[in-house]
Amino acid sequence: MGVKIEIFRMMLYVSFPVTIFWISNRAEYFEEYVVKRKKEIFPPDEKMQRQRLEEFKERMRDRREQKMLKRLGMESANPLDE
């Protein structure tokens, strides 16, 4: 009786991970759950979104440039007296 139980337990220990691996690596499962979820999280680029992002980057560059010019103008207007 003890040997039969041990064989059953060993078969259960081996078959469970193999079954889970087989189920999770099916192409239908991957397509249905993983790819759809990825498309929800990271939607494909749209031209309007890309354009708004580029406009935002340009505005940030302009602001940074204006700040730098302002600092340079202030520094050159107030030279250090030695």
PDB file of N, CA and C in Angstrom:
ATOM      1  N   MET A   1       0.825  -1.203   0.000  1.00  0.00           N
ATOM      2  CA  MET A   1       0.000   0.000   0.000  1.00  0.00           C
ATOM      3  C   MET A   1       0.863   1.260   0.000  1.00  0.00           C
ATOM      4  N   GLY A   2       1.960   1.260   0.743  1.00  0.00           N
ATOM      5  CA  GLY A   2       2.819   2.430   0.851  1.00  0.00           C
ATOM      6  C   GLY A   2       3.487   2.803  -0.462  1.00  0.00           C
ATOM      7  N   VAL A   3       3.851   1.797  -1.250  1.00  0.00           N
ATOM      8  CA  VAL A   3       4.509   2.042  -2.530  1.00  0.00           C
ATOM      9  C   VAL A   3       3.532   2.688  -3.501  1.00  0.00           C
ATOM     10  N   LYS A   4       2.282   2.249  -3.488  1.00  0.00           N
ATOM     11  CA  LYS A   4       1.279   2.810  -4.389  1.00  0.00           C
ATOM     12  C   LYS A   4       1.022   4.287  -4.073  1.00  0.00           C
ATOM     13  N   ILE A   5       0.976   4.618  -2.792  1.00  0.00           N
ATOM     14  CA  ILE A   5       0.764   6.017  -2.390  1.00  0.00           C
ATOM     15  C   ILE A   5       1.952   6.867  -2.832  1.00  0.00           C
ATOM     16  N   GLU A   6       3.166   6.340  -2.665  1.00  0.00           N
ATOM     17  CA  GLU A   6       4.357   7.084  -3.067  1.00  0.00           C
ATOM     18  C   GLU A   6       4.388   7.292  -4.582  1.00  0.00           C
ATOM     19  N   ILE A   7       3.985   6.279  -5.341  1.00  0.00           N
ATOM     20  CA  ILE A   7       3.933   6.412  -6.794  1.00  0.00           C
ATOM     21  C   ILE A   7       2.891   7.463  -7.177  1.00  0.00           C
ATOM     22  N   PHE A   8       1.730   7.434  -6.519  1.00  0.00           N
ATOM     23  CA  PHE A   8       0.688   8.426  -6.787  1.00  0.00           C
ATOM     24  C   PHE A   8       1.189   9.830  -6.477  1.00  0.00           C
ATOM     25  N   ARG A   9       1.840  10.000  -5.327  1.00  0.00           N
ATOM     26  CA  ARG A   9       2.363  11.325  -4.961  1.00  0.00           C
ATOM     27  C   ARG A   9       3.408  11.793  -5.963  1.00  0.00           C
ATOM     28  N   MET A  10       4.286  10.882  -6.382  1.00  0.00           N
ATOM     29  CA  MET A  10       5.321  11.258  -7.347  1.00  0.00           C
ATOM     30  C   MET A  10       4.692  11.662  -8.675  1.00  0.00           C
ATOM     31  N   MET A  11       3.685  10.938  -9.115  1.00  0.00           N
ATOM     32  CA  MET A  11       2.997  11.295 -10.359  1.00  0.00           C
ATOM     33  C   MET A  11       2.306  12.658 -10.225  1.00  0.00           C
ATOM     34  N   LEU A  12       1.726  12.922  -9.070  1.00  0.00           N
ATOM     35  CA  LEU A  12       1.083  14.214  -8.823  1.00  0.00           C
ATOM     36  C   LEU A  12       2.116  15.337  -8.830  1.00  0.00           C
ATOM     37  N   TYR A  13       3.258  15.123  -8.165  1.00  0.00           N
ATOM     38  CA  TYR A  13       4.317  16.131  -8.123  1.00  0.00           C
ATOM     39  C   TYR A  13       4.873  16.430  -9.508  1.00  0.00           C
ATOM     40  N   VAL A  14       4.959  15.436 -10.360  1.00  0.00           N
ATOM     41  CA  VAL A  14       5.510  15.627 -11.701  1.00  0.00           C
ATOM     42  C   VAL A  14       4.446  16.185 -12.638  1.00  0.00           C
ATOM     43  N   SER A  15       3.226  15.689 -12.551  1.00  0.00           N
ATOM     44  CA  SER A  15       2.201  16.079 -13.518  1.00  0.00           C
ATOM     45  C   SER A  15       1.675  17.498 -13.282  1.00  0.00           C
ATOM     46  N   PHE A  16       1.634  17.963 -12.053  1.00  0.00           N
ATOM     47  CA  PHE A  16       1.096  19.294 -11.784  1.00  0.00           C
ATOM     48  C   PHE A  16       1.911  20.393 -12.477  1.00  0.00           C
ATOM     49  N   PRO A  17       3.232  20.477 -12.291  1.00  0.00           N
ATOM     50  CA  PRO A  17       3.982  21.529 -12.994  1.00  0.00           C
ATOM     51  C   PRO A  17       3.955  21.372 -14.518  1.00  0.00           C
ATOM     52  N   VAL A  18       3.982  20.138 -14.991  1.00  0.00           N
ATOM     53  CA  VAL A  18       3.944  19.916 -16.434  1.00  0.00           C
ATOM     54  C   VAL A  18       2.618  20.394 -17.002  1.00  0.00           C
ATOM     55  N   THR A  19       1.515  20.106 -16.310  1.00  0.00           N
ATOM     56  CA  THR A  19       0.193  20.546 -16.761  1.00  0.00           C
ATOM     57  C   THR A  19       0.096  22.065 -16.760  1.00  0.00           C
ATOM     58  N   ILE A  20       0.546  22.710 -15.702  1.00  0.00           N
ATOM     59  CA  ILE A  20       0.509  24.171 -15.626  1.00  0.00           C
ATOM     60  C   ILE A  20       1.364  24.773 -16.743  1.00  0.00           C
ATOM     61  N   PHE A  21       2.533  24.222 -16.987  1.00  0.00           N
ATOM     62  CA  PHE A  21       3.398  24.699 -18.057  1.00  0.00           C
ATOM     63  C   PHE A  21       2.704  24.550 -19.404  1.00  0.00           C
ATOM     64  N   TRP A  22       2.076  23.425 -19.640  1.00  0.00           N
ATOM     65  CA  TRP A  22       1.385  23.173 -20.911  1.00  0.00           C
ATOM     66  C   TRP A  22       0.227  24.150 -21.098  1.00  0.00           C
ATOM     67  N   ILE A  23      -0.556  24.394 -20.044  1.00  0.00           N
ATOM     68  CA  ILE A  23      -1.703  25.301 -20.149  1.00  0.00           C
ATOM     69  C   ILE A  23      -1.237  26.729 -20.404  1.00  0.00           C
ATOM     70  N   SER A  24      -0.243  27.179 -19.664  1.00  0.00           N
ATOM     71  CA  SER A  24       0.172  28.587 -19.769  1.00  0.00           C
ATOM     72  C   SER A  24       0.951  28.888 -21.042  1.00  0.00           C
ATOM     73  N   ASN A  25       1.482  27.894 -21.721  1.00  0.00           N
ATOM     74  CA  ASN A  25       2.259  28.141 -22.936  1.00  0.00           C
ATOM     75  C   ASN A  25       1.491  27.863 -24.216  1.00  0.00           C
ATOM     76  N   ARG A  26       0.206  27.734 -24.117  1.00  0.00           N
ATOM     77  CA  ARG A  26      -0.595  27.574 -25.328  1.00  0.00           C
ATOM     78  C   ARG A  26      -0.701  28.920 -26.034  1.00  0.00           C
ATOM     79  N   ALA A  27      -0.623  28.910 -27.353  1.00  0.00           N
ATOM     80  CA  ALA A  27      -0.644  30.144 -28.139  1.00  0.00           C
ATOM     81  C   ALA A  27      -1.970  30.881 -27.969  1.00  0.00           C
ATOM     82  N   GLU A  28      -3.084  30.168 -27.882  1.00  0.00           N
ATOM     83  CA  GLU A  28      -4.386  30.819 -27.718  1.00  0.00           C
ATOM     84  C   GLU A  28      -4.443  31.594 -26.400  1.00  0.00           C
ATOM     85  N   TYR A  29      -3.936  30.977 -25.358  1.00  0.00           N
ATOM     86  CA  TYR A  29      -3.913  31.646 -24.052  1.00  0.00           C
ATOM     87  C   TYR A  29      -3.070  32.911 -24.130  1.00  0.00           C
ATOM     88  N   PHE A  30      -1.901  32.784 -24.729  1.00  0.00           N
ATOM     89  CA  PHE A  30      -0.993  33.930 -24.833  1.00  0.00           C
ATOM     90  C   PHE A  30      -1.647  35.063 -25.604  1.00  0.00           C
ATOM     91  N   GLU A  31      -2.234  34.742 -26.742  1.00  0.00           N
ATOM     92  CA  GLU A  31      -2.882  35.761 -27.571  1.00  0.00           C
ATOM     93  C   GLU A  31      -4.038  36.409 -26.840  1.00  0.00           C
ATOM     94  N   GLU A  32      -4.846  35.591 -26.217  1.00  0.00           N
ATOM     95  CA  GLU A  32      -6.063  36.104 -25.598  1.00  0.00           C
ATOM     96  C   GLU A  32      -5.789  36.987 -24.388  1.00  0.00           C
ATOM     97  N   TYR A  33      -4.922  36.559 -23.526  1.00  0.00           N
ATOM     98  CA  TYR A  33      -4.734  37.279 -22.264  1.00  0.00           C
ATOM     99  C   TYR A  33      -3.559  38.244 -22.279  1.00  0.00           C
ATOM    100  N   VAL A  34      -2.409  37.794 -22.696  1.00  0.00           N
ATOM    101  CA  VAL A  34      -1.205  38.604 -22.576  1.00  0.00           C
ATOM    102  C   VAL A  34      -1.179  39.727 -23.604  1.00  0.00           C
ATOM    103  N   VAL A  35      -1.414  39.412 -24.866  1.00  0.00           N
ATOM    104  CA  VAL A  35      -1.321  40.428 -25.914  1.00  0.00           C
ATOM    105  C   VAL A  35      -2.434  41.460 -25.762  1.00  0.00           C
ATOM    106  N   LYS A  36      -3.643  41.018 -25.459  1.00  0.00           N
ATOM    107  CA  LYS A  36      -4.739  41.971 -25.271  1.00  0.00           C
ATOM    108  C   LYS A  36      -4.457  42.888 -24.083  1.00  0.00           C
ATOM    109  N   ARG A  37      -3.930  42.337 -23.016  1.00  0.00           N
ATOM    110  CA  ARG A  37      -3.622  43.149 -21.831  1.00  0.00           C
ATOM    111  C   ARG A  37      -2.527  44.167 -22.152  1.00  0.00           C
ATOM    112  N   LYS A  38      -1.534  43.749 -22.917  1.00  0.00           N
ATOM    113  CA  LYS A  38      -0.466  44.666 -23.288  1.00  0.00           C
ATOM    114  C   LYS A  38      -1.004  45.815 -24.130  1.00  0.00           C
ATOM    115  N   LYS A  39      -1.940  45.511 -25.040  1.00  0.00           N
ATOM    116  CA  LYS A  39      -2.530  46.569 -25.862  1.00  0.00           C
ATOM    117  C   LYS A  39      -3.371  47.523 -25.022  1.00  0.00           C
ATOM    118  N   GLU A  40      -3.983  47.035 -23.943  1.00  0.00           N
ATOM    119  CA  GLU A  40      -4.741  47.911 -23.049  1.00  0.00           C
ATOM    120  C   GLU A  40      -3.806  48.841 -22.294  1.00  0.00           C
ATOM    121  N   ILE A  41      -2.708  48.307 -21.812  1.00  0.00           N
ATOM    122  CA  ILE A  41      -1.771  49.102 -21.013  1.00  0.00           C
ATOM    123  C   ILE A  41      -0.993  50.076 -21.891  1.00  0.00           C
ATOM    124  N   PHE A  42      -0.493  49.598 -23.022  1.00  0.00           N
ATOM    125  CA  PHE A  42       0.290  50.413 -23.940  1.00  0.00           C
ATOM    126  C   PHE A  42      -0.439  50.496 -25.274  1.00  0.00           C
ATOM    127  N   PRO A  43      -1.376  51.422 -25.410  1.00  0.00           N
ATOM    128  CA  PRO A  43      -2.131  51.508 -26.670  1.00  0.00           C
ATOM    129  C   PRO A  43      -1.214  51.926 -27.813  1.00  0.00           C
ATOM    130  N   PRO A  44      -1.574  51.538 -29.031  1.00  0.00           N
ATOM    131  CA  PRO A  44      -0.750  51.933 -30.174  1.00  0.00           C
ATOM    132  C   PRO A  44      -0.707  53.452 -30.322  1.00  0.00           C
ATOM    133  N   ASP A  45       0.400  53.940 -30.841  1.00  0.00           N
ATOM    134  CA  ASP A  45       0.565  55.386 -31.005  1.00  0.00           C
ATOM    135  C   ASP A  45      -0.458  55.954 -31.977  1.00  0.00           C
ATOM    136  N   GLU A  46      -0.982  57.083 -31.602  1.00  0.00           N
ATOM    137  CA  GLU A  46      -1.863  57.814 -32.502  1.00  0.00           C
ATOM    138  C   GLU A  46      -1.137  59.084 -32.914  1.00  0.00           C
ATOM    139  N   LYS A  47      -1.426  59.571 -34.090  1.00  0.00           N
ATOM    140  CA  LYS A  47      -0.716  60.739 -34.599  1.00  0.00           C
ATOM    141  C   LYS A  47      -0.957  61.966 -33.739  1.00  0.00           C
ATOM    142  N   MET A  48      -2.184  62.139 -33.236  1.00  0.00           N
ATOM    143  CA  MET A  48      -2.484  63.309 -32.394  1.00  0.00           C
ATOM    144  C   MET A  48      -1.691  63.251 -31.092  1.00  0.00           C
ATOM    145  N   GLN A  49      -1.617  62.082 -30.477  1.00  0.00           N
ATOM    146  CA  GLN A  49      -0.853  61.957 -29.243  1.00  0.00           C
ATOM    147  C   GLN A  49       0.614  62.251 -29.496  1.00  0.00           C
ATOM    148  N   ARG A  50       1.152  61.728 -30.579  1.00  0.00           N
ATOM    149  CA  ARG A  50       2.557  61.959 -30.913  1.00  0.00           C
ATOM    150  C   ARG A  50       2.802  63.444 -31.156  1.00  0.00           C
ATOM    151  N   GLN A  51       1.862  64.106 -31.859  1.00  0.00           N
ATOM    152  CA  GLN A  51       2.009  65.527 -32.159  1.00  0.00           C
ATOM    153  C   GLN A  51       1.953  66.346 -30.879  1.00  0.00           C
ATOM    154  N   ARG A  52       1.008  66.025 -29.974  1.00  0.00           N
ATOM    155  CA  ARG A  52       0.922  66.765 -28.710  1.00  0.00           C
ATOM    156  C   ARG A  52       2.183  66.585 -27.882  1.00  0.00           C
ATOM    157  N   LEU A  53       2.736  65.375 -27.890  1.00  0.00           N
ATOM    158  CA  LEU A  53       3.964  65.125 -27.147  1.00  0.00           C
ATOM    159  C   LEU A  53       5.121  65.953 -27.712  1.00  0.00           C
ATOM    160  N   GLU A  54       5.232  66.016 -29.014  1.00  0.00           N
ATOM    161  CA  GLU A  54       6.298  66.806 -29.637  1.00  0.00           C
ATOM    162  C   GLU A  54       6.127  68.297 -29.333  1.00  0.00           C
ATOM    163  N   GLU A  55       4.885  68.787 -29.357  1.00  0.00           N
ATOM    164  CA  GLU A  55       4.637  70.190 -29.028  1.00  0.00           C
ATOM    165  C   GLU A  55       5.015  70.482 -27.585  1.00  0.00           C
ATOM    166  N   PHE A  56       4.698  69.563 -26.686  1.00  0.00           N
ATOM    167  CA  PHE A  56       5.054  69.733 -25.278  1.00  0.00           C
ATOM    168  C   PHE A  56       6.569  69.775 -25.101  1.00  0.00           C
ATOM    169  N   LYS A  57       7.274  68.868 -25.785  1.00  0.00           N
ATOM    170  CA  LYS A  57       8.740  68.868 -25.701  1.00  0.00           C
ATOM    171  C   LYS A  57       9.315  70.193 -26.197  1.00  0.00           C
ATOM    172  N   GLU A  58       8.761  70.707 -27.280  1.00  0.00           N
ATOM    173  CA  GLU A  58       9.241  71.972 -27.843  1.00  0.00           C
ATOM    174  C   GLU A  58       9.011  73.129 -26.875  1.00  0.00           C
ATOM    175  N   ARG A  59       7.843  73.158 -26.235  1.00  0.00           N
ATOM    176  CA  ARG A  59       7.574  74.208 -25.240  1.00  0.00           C
ATOM    177  C   ARG A  59       8.547  74.120 -24.073  1.00  0.00           C
ATOM    178  N   MET A  60       8.841  72.911 -23.607  1.00  0.00           N
ATOM    179  CA  MET A  60       9.783  72.748 -22.501  1.00  0.00           C
ATOM    180  C   MET A  60      11.175  73.205 -22.910  1.00  0.00           C
ATOM    181  N   ARG A  61      11.593  72.880 -24.143  1.00  0.00           N
ATOM    182  CA  ARG A  61      12.891  73.348 -24.635  1.00  0.00           C
ATOM    183  C   ARG A  61      12.942  74.865 -24.685  1.00  0.00           C
ATOM    184  N   ASP A  62      11.869  75.483 -25.168  1.00  0.00           N
ATOM    185  CA  ASP A  62      11.822  76.944 -25.242  1.00  0.00           C
ATOM    186  C   ASP A  62      11.912  77.562 -23.853  1.00  0.00           C
ATOM    187  N   ARG A  63      11.178  77.019 -22.889  1.00  0.00           N
ATOM    188  CA  ARG A  63      11.238  77.554 -21.515  1.00  0.00           C
ATOM    189  C   ARG A  63      12.640  77.426 -20.941  1.00  0.00           C
ATOM    190  N   ARG A  64      13.258  76.263 -21.136  1.00  0.00           N
ATOM    191  CA  ARG A  64      14.606  76.057 -20.608  1.00  0.00           C
ATOM    192  C   ARG A  64      15.578  77.036 -21.253  1.00  0.00           C
ATOM    193  N   GLU A  65      15.423  77.233 -22.554  1.00  0.00           N
ATOM    194  CA  GLU A  65      16.293  78.169 -23.261  1.00  0.00           C
ATOM    195  C   GLU A  65      16.083  79.593 -22.767  1.00  0.00           C
ATOM    196  N   GLN A  66      14.850  80.006 -22.542  1.00  0.00           N
ATOM    197  CA  GLN A  66      14.563  81.343 -22.033  1.00  0.00           C
ATOM    198  C   GLN A  66      15.176  81.544 -20.646  1.00  0.00           C
ATOM    199  N   LYS A  67      15.076  80.530 -19.798  1.00  0.00           N
ATOM    200  CA  LYS A  67      15.675  80.635 -18.461  1.00  0.00           C
ATOM    201  C   LYS A  67      17.183  80.783 -18.552  1.00  0.00           C
ATOM    202  N   MET A  68      17.803  80.003 -19.443  1.00  0.00           N
ATOM    203  CA  MET A  68      19.252  80.087 -19.590  1.00  0.00           C
ATOM    204  C   MET A  68      19.667  81.456 -20.113  1.00  0.00           C
ATOM    205  N   LEU A  69      18.937  81.969 -21.098  1.00  0.00           N
ATOM    206  CA  LEU A  69      19.248  83.296 -21.629  1.00  0.00           C
ATOM    207  C   LEU A  69      19.059  84.369 -20.567  1.00  0.00           C
ATOM    208  N   LYS A  70      18.024  84.214 -19.757  1.00  0.00           N
ATOM    209  CA  LYS A  70      17.765  85.177 -18.691  1.00  0.00           C
ATOM    210  C   LYS A  70      18.922  85.170 -17.685  1.00  0.00           C
ATOM    211  N   ARG A  71      19.379  83.979 -17.306  1.00  0.00           N
ATOM    212  CA  ARG A  71      20.496  83.871 -16.373  1.00  0.00           C
ATOM    213  C   ARG A  71      21.764  84.460 -16.966  1.00  0.00           C
ATOM    214  N   LEU A  72      22.016  84.157 -18.224  1.00  0.00           N
ATOM    215  CA  LEU A  72      23.207  84.706 -18.875  1.00  0.00           C
ATOM    216  C   LEU A  72      23.125  86.226 -18.969  1.00  0.00           C
ATOM    217  N   GLY A  73      21.938  86.751 -19.247  1.00  0.00           N
ATOM    218  CA  GLY A  73      21.755  88.192 -19.326  1.00  0.00           C
ATOM    219  C   GLY A  73      21.976  88.847 -17.974  1.00  0.00           C
ATOM    220  N   MET A  74      21.519  88.230 -16.927  1.00  0.00           N
ATOM    221  CA  MET A  74      21.699  88.774 -15.573  1.00  0.00           C
ATOM    222  C   MET A  74      23.169  88.727 -15.180  1.00  0.00           C
ATOM    223  N   GLU A  75      23.854  87.672 -15.531  1.00  0.00           N
ATOM    224  CA  GLU A  75      25.268  87.540 -15.178  1.00  0.00           C
ATOM    225  C   GLU A  75      26.122  88.557 -15.940  1.00  0.00           C
ATOM    226  N   SER A  76      25.802  88.785 -17.206  1.00  0.00           N
ATOM    227  CA  SER A  76      26.615  89.735 -17.974  1.00  0.00           C
ATOM    228  C   SER A  76      26.272  91.181 -17.604  1.00  0.00           C
ATOM    229  N   ALA A  77      25.047  91.429 -17.139  1.00  0.00           N
ATOM    230  CA  ALA A  77      24.670  92.776 -16.722  1.00  0.00           C
ATOM    231  C   ALA A  77      25.301  93.154 -15.396  1.00  0.00           C
ATOM    232  N   ASN A  78      25.592  92.199 -14.550  1.00  0.00           N
ATOM    233  CA  ASN A  78      26.179  92.446 -13.241  1.00  0.00           C
ATOM    234  C   ASN A  78      27.555  91.804 -13.143  1.00  0.00           C
ATOM    235  N   PRO A  79      28.581  92.376 -13.803  1.00  0.00           N
ATOM    236  CA  PRO A  79      29.914  91.778 -13.718  1.00  0.00           C
ATOM    237  C   PRO A  79      30.466  91.979 -12.309  1.00  0.00           C
ATOM    238  N   LEU A  80      31.296  91.058 -11.898  1.00  0.00           N
ATOM    239  CA  LEU A  80      31.900  91.142 -10.567  1.00  0.00           C
ATOM    240  C   LEU A  80      32.970  92.230 -10.557  1.00  0.00           C
ATOM    241  N   ASP A  81      32.923  93.077  -9.550  1.00  0.00           N
ATOM    242  CA  ASP A  81      33.937  94.115  -9.420  1.00  0.00           C
ATOM    243  C   ASP A  81      35.082  93.542  -8.597  1.00  0.00           C
ATOM    244  N   GLU A  82      36.257  93.640  -9.150  1.00  0.00           N
ATOM    245  CA  GLU A  82      37.400  93.115  -8.422  1.00  0.00           C
ATOM    246  C   GLU A  82      38.332  94.183  -8.014  1.00  0.00           C
TER     247      GLU A  82
END
